[in-house]
Amino acid sequence: MRKMDEYTYDLYSKLEPAVEKIAYHDMGLTYEQFTKEDLDAITYELCKAPQDRSLDFWGYVSVVDQMDQNADWPDITKGIERVIHKYLKH
């Protein structure tokens, strides 16, 4: 994985548990379908995506910075699911 600045690392550490829960629990993916490398790649992409990318949930990412790891993230869950689906199709 590429080197992250402090802000990106903090955001990554908050997003990774959410992406993992959504992929394995909510979407029912297996570890063969969605590997640790996939999890890392998607989480990193969510943290480093350009501001002009048309990700539906991007406006909510700034809210993540203020949330703890146990927070409920209903506003971005669907956006993360769409990113996972898109990633797995490629």
N, C-alpha and C. Protein backbone atom coordinates (compact mmCIF):
# COMPACT_ATOMS: atom_id res chain seq x y z
N MET A 1 0.84 -1.17 0.00
CA MET A 1 0.00 0.00 0.00
C MET A 1 0.89 1.24 0.00
N ARG A 2 0.42 2.28 -0.64
CA ARG A 2 1.17 3.52 -0.71
C ARG A 2 1.23 4.20 0.65
N LYS A 3 2.24 5.05 0.84
CA LYS A 3 2.41 5.79 2.08
C LYS A 3 1.29 6.81 2.23
N MET A 4 0.79 6.95 3.46
CA MET A 4 -0.31 7.87 3.72
C MET A 4 0.14 8.99 4.65
N ASP A 5 -0.40 10.18 4.43
CA ASP A 5 -0.15 11.25 5.38
C ASP A 5 -1.00 11.02 6.63
N GLU A 6 -0.81 11.84 7.65
CA GLU A 6 -1.49 11.62 8.93
C GLU A 6 -3.01 11.66 8.80
N TYR A 7 -3.54 12.62 8.03
CA TYR A 7 -4.99 12.73 7.86
C TYR A 7 -5.54 11.49 7.16
N THR A 8 -4.88 11.07 6.08
CA THR A 8 -5.34 9.91 5.33
C THR A 8 -5.27 8.66 6.19
N TYR A 9 -4.21 8.51 6.97
CA TYR A 9 -4.09 7.35 7.85
C TYR A 9 -5.22 7.32 8.87
N ASP A 10 -5.54 8.46 9.46
CA ASP A 10 -6.63 8.55 10.43
C ASP A 10 -7.97 8.20 9.78
N LEU A 11 -8.21 8.76 8.60
CA LEU A 11 -9.45 8.47 7.88
C LEU A 11 -9.51 6.99 7.50
N TYR A 12 -8.38 6.45 7.02
CA TYR A 12 -8.30 5.04 6.65
C TYR A 12 -8.65 4.15 7.84
N SER A 13 -8.09 4.46 9.00
CA SER A 13 -8.33 3.62 10.18
C SER A 13 -9.78 3.68 10.63
N LYS A 14 -10.49 4.74 10.30
CA LYS A 14 -11.91 4.84 10.63
C LYS A 14 -12.78 4.17 9.57
N LEU A 15 -12.37 4.25 8.31
CA LEU A 15 -13.16 3.67 7.23
C LEU A 15 -13.00 2.16 7.09
N GLU A 16 -11.81 1.64 7.35
CA GLU A 16 -11.57 0.22 7.11
C GLU A 16 -12.56 -0.69 7.84
N PRO A 17 -12.84 -0.49 9.12
CA PRO A 17 -13.83 -1.38 9.77
C PRO A 17 -15.21 -1.29 9.13
N ALA A 18 -15.58 -0.11 8.64
CA ALA A 18 -16.88 0.04 7.99
C ALA A 18 -16.91 -0.70 6.65
N VAL A 19 -15.86 -0.54 5.85
CA VAL A 19 -15.80 -1.23 4.56
C VAL A 19 -15.80 -2.75 4.79
N GLU A 20 -15.05 -3.21 5.78
CA GLU A 20 -15.00 -4.63 6.09
C GLU A 20 -16.38 -5.16 6.50
N LYS A 21 -17.08 -4.45 7.37
CA LYS A 21 -18.41 -4.86 7.83
C LYS A 21 -19.39 -4.90 6.66
N ILE A 22 -19.36 -3.87 5.83
CA ILE A 22 -20.28 -3.80 4.70
C ILE A 22 -20.02 -4.96 3.73
N ALA A 23 -18.75 -5.22 3.42
CA ALA A 23 -18.42 -6.28 2.46
C ALA A 23 -18.79 -7.67 2.99
N TYR A 24 -18.35 -7.98 4.19
CA TYR A 24 -18.51 -9.35 4.69
C TYR A 24 -19.84 -9.59 5.37
N HIS A 25 -20.33 -8.63 6.12
CA HIS A 25 -21.57 -8.84 6.88
C HIS A 25 -22.79 -8.43 6.06
N ASP A 26 -22.81 -7.17 5.63
CA ASP A 26 -23.99 -6.66 4.94
C ASP A 26 -24.17 -7.26 3.55
N MET A 27 -23.07 -7.38 2.79
CA MET A 27 -23.14 -7.89 1.42
C MET A 27 -22.94 -9.40 1.35
N GLY A 28 -22.48 -10.02 2.42
CA GLY A 28 -22.31 -11.46 2.47
C GLY A 28 -21.18 -12.00 1.61
N LEU A 29 -20.18 -11.18 1.31
CA LEU A 29 -19.05 -11.65 0.51
C LEU A 29 -18.16 -12.56 1.35
N THR A 30 -17.50 -13.50 0.69
CA THR A 30 -16.55 -14.39 1.37
C THR A 30 -15.15 -13.80 1.24
N TYR A 31 -14.22 -14.38 2.00
CA TYR A 31 -12.83 -13.92 1.92
C TYR A 31 -12.19 -14.28 0.58
N GLU A 32 -12.75 -15.24 -0.12
CA GLU A 32 -12.26 -15.56 -1.47
C GLU A 32 -12.77 -14.53 -2.48
N GLN A 33 -13.99 -14.06 -2.29
CA GLN A 33 -14.57 -13.07 -3.20
C GLN A 33 -13.99 -11.68 -2.96
N PHE A 34 -13.66 -11.39 -1.72
CA PHE A 34 -13.21 -10.06 -1.33
C PHE A 34 -12.04 -10.23 -0.36
N THR A 35 -10.84 -10.15 -0.91
CA THR A 35 -9.63 -10.43 -0.14
C THR A 35 -9.21 -9.24 0.71
N LYS A 36 -8.23 -9.47 1.56
CA LYS A 36 -7.65 -8.39 2.37
C LYS A 36 -7.06 -7.32 1.45
N GLU A 37 -6.48 -7.74 0.34
CA GLU A 37 -5.92 -6.78 -0.62
C GLU A 37 -7.03 -5.92 -1.23
N ASP A 38 -8.19 -6.54 -1.51
CA ASP A 38 -9.33 -5.78 -2.02
C ASP A 38 -9.80 -4.76 -0.98
N LEU A 39 -9.89 -5.21 0.27
CA LEU A 39 -10.30 -4.32 1.36
C LEU A 39 -9.36 -3.13 1.47
N ASP A 40 -8.06 -3.40 1.45
CA ASP A 40 -7.08 -2.33 1.54
C ASP A 40 -7.18 -1.37 0.36
N ALA A 41 -7.31 -1.93 -0.85
CA ALA A 41 -7.36 -1.10 -2.06
C ALA A 41 -8.59 -0.20 -2.07
N ILE A 42 -9.74 -0.74 -1.71
CA ILE A 42 -10.96 0.06 -1.72
C ILE A 42 -10.92 1.12 -0.63
N THR A 43 -10.48 0.74 0.56
CA THR A 43 -10.42 1.72 1.65
C THR A 43 -9.45 2.84 1.30
N TYR A 44 -8.30 2.49 0.73
CA TYR A 44 -7.33 3.51 0.34
C TYR A 44 -7.91 4.42 -0.74
N GLU A 45 -8.58 3.83 -1.71
CA GLU A 45 -9.19 4.62 -2.78
C GLU A 45 -10.23 5.59 -2.23
N LEU A 46 -11.02 5.14 -1.26
CA LEU A 46 -12.02 6.02 -0.66
C LEU A 46 -11.36 7.19 0.05
N CYS A 47 -10.21 6.95 0.64
CA CYS A 47 -9.49 8.01 1.36
C CYS A 47 -8.82 9.00 0.41
N LYS A 48 -8.32 8.51 -0.71
CA LYS A 48 -7.52 9.33 -1.61
C LYS A 48 -8.22 9.74 -2.90
N ALA A 49 -9.48 9.40 -3.05
CA ALA A 49 -10.19 9.72 -4.29
C ALA A 49 -10.21 11.22 -4.53
N PRO A 50 -10.02 11.65 -5.76
CA PRO A 50 -10.06 13.08 -6.07
C PRO A 50 -11.42 13.67 -5.71
N GLN A 51 -11.41 14.91 -5.29
CA GLN A 51 -12.65 15.58 -4.90
C GLN A 51 -13.67 15.61 -6.05
N ASP A 52 -13.20 15.62 -7.28
CA ASP A 52 -14.13 15.73 -8.40
C ASP A 52 -14.71 14.38 -8.83
N ARG A 53 -14.29 13.30 -8.18
CA ARG A 53 -14.85 11.99 -8.54
C ARG A 53 -16.33 11.96 -8.18
N SER A 54 -17.14 11.34 -9.01
CA SER A 54 -18.58 11.35 -8.78
C SER A 54 -19.01 10.18 -7.90
N LEU A 55 -18.51 10.13 -6.68
CA LEU A 55 -18.94 9.13 -5.71
C LEU A 55 -20.09 9.73 -4.93
N ASP A 56 -21.21 9.05 -4.91
CA ASP A 56 -22.41 9.59 -4.28
C ASP A 56 -22.22 9.96 -2.82
N PHE A 57 -21.39 9.22 -2.11
CA PHE A 57 -21.25 9.46 -0.68
C PHE A 57 -20.14 10.45 -0.35
N TRP A 58 -19.42 10.97 -1.35
CA TRP A 58 -18.21 11.75 -1.06
C TRP A 58 -18.46 12.91 -0.11
N GLY A 59 -19.60 13.53 -0.23
CA GLY A 59 -19.92 14.66 0.65
C GLY A 59 -19.97 14.28 2.10
N TYR A 60 -20.17 13.00 2.38
CA TYR A 60 -20.27 12.55 3.77
C TYR A 60 -18.92 12.14 4.35
N VAL A 61 -17.90 12.01 3.53
CA VAL A 61 -16.62 11.54 4.03
C VAL A 61 -16.06 12.50 5.08
N SER A 62 -16.31 13.79 4.93
CA SER A 62 -15.82 14.74 5.92
C SER A 62 -16.43 14.48 7.29
N VAL A 63 -17.64 13.94 7.32
CA VAL A 63 -18.29 13.61 8.59
C VAL A 63 -17.56 12.46 9.28
N VAL A 64 -17.00 11.55 8.50
CA VAL A 64 -16.29 10.40 9.05
C VAL A 64 -15.15 10.86 9.94
N ASP A 65 -14.51 11.95 9.57
CA ASP A 65 -13.38 12.46 10.33
C ASP A 65 -13.76 12.78 11.77
N GLN A 66 -15.03 13.02 12.02
CA GLN A 66 -15.49 13.38 13.35
C GLN A 66 -16.13 12.21 14.08
N MET A 67 -16.17 11.04 13.49
CA MET A 67 -16.86 9.89 14.08
C MET A 67 -15.86 8.91 14.67
N ASP A 68 -16.29 8.15 15.66
CA ASP A 68 -15.43 7.10 16.17
C ASP A 68 -15.70 5.80 15.42
N GLN A 69 -14.88 4.78 15.66
CA GLN A 69 -14.97 3.55 14.88
C GLN A 69 -16.25 2.76 15.13
N ASN A 70 -16.95 3.02 16.20
CA ASN A 70 -18.17 2.29 16.50
C ASN A 70 -19.43 3.02 16.05
N ALA A 71 -19.26 4.11 15.34
CA ALA A 71 -20.40 4.92 14.92
C ALA A 71 -21.22 4.20 13.85
N ASP A 72 -22.48 4.55 13.78
CA ASP A 72 -23.37 4.03 12.75
C ASP A 72 -23.27 4.99 11.57
N TRP A 73 -23.00 4.49 10.38
CA TRP A 73 -22.76 5.34 9.22
C TRP A 73 -23.81 5.13 8.14
N PRO A 74 -25.09 5.33 8.43
CA PRO A 74 -26.11 5.02 7.42
C PRO A 74 -26.00 5.86 6.16
N ASP A 75 -25.47 7.06 6.26
CA ASP A 75 -25.42 7.94 5.09
C ASP A 75 -24.40 7.51 4.05
N ILE A 76 -23.37 6.77 4.44
CA ILE A 76 -22.37 6.39 3.45
C ILE A 76 -22.35 4.90 3.12
N THR A 77 -23.12 4.11 3.84
CA THR A 77 -23.12 2.66 3.61
C THR A 77 -23.45 2.31 2.17
N LYS A 78 -24.50 2.89 1.61
CA LYS A 78 -24.90 2.57 0.23
C LYS A 78 -23.82 3.00 -0.77
N GLY A 79 -23.19 4.13 -0.52
CA GLY A 79 -22.11 4.58 -1.40
C GLY A 79 -20.94 3.61 -1.39
N ILE A 80 -20.58 3.13 -0.20
CA ILE A 80 -19.49 2.17 -0.10
C ILE A 80 -19.87 0.86 -0.80
N GLU A 81 -21.12 0.42 -0.64
CA GLU A 81 -21.58 -0.79 -1.34
C GLU A 81 -21.43 -0.62 -2.85
N ARG A 82 -21.80 0.54 -3.38
CA ARG A 82 -21.67 0.79 -4.83
C ARG A 82 -20.21 0.73 -5.26
N VAL A 83 -19.32 1.29 -4.46
CA VAL A 83 -17.90 1.26 -4.80
C VAL A 83 -17.39 -0.19 -4.80
N ILE A 84 -17.80 -0.99 -3.82
CA ILE A 84 -17.39 -2.39 -3.78
C ILE A 84 -17.91 -3.14 -5.00
N HIS A 85 -19.18 -2.95 -5.35
CA HIS A 85 -19.74 -3.61 -6.54
C HIS A 85 -18.96 -3.21 -7.79
N LYS A 86 -18.68 -1.92 -7.94
CA LYS A 86 -17.94 -1.44 -9.10
C LYS A 86 -16.54 -2.05 -9.14
N TYR A 87 -15.89 -2.09 -8.00
CA TYR A 87 -14.54 -2.64 -7.90
C TYR A 87 -14.52 -4.12 -8.30
N LEU A 88 -15.49 -4.87 -7.82
CA LEU A 88 -15.52 -6.31 -8.09
C LEU A 88 -15.86 -6.63 -9.55
N LYS A 89 -16.51 -5.71 -10.25
CA LYS A 89 -16.84 -5.93 -11.66
C LYS A 89 -15.63 -5.75 -12.56
N HIS A 90 -14.60 -5.07 -12.10
CA HIS A 90 -13.41 -4.81 -12.92
C HIS A 90 -12.38 -5.84 -12.71
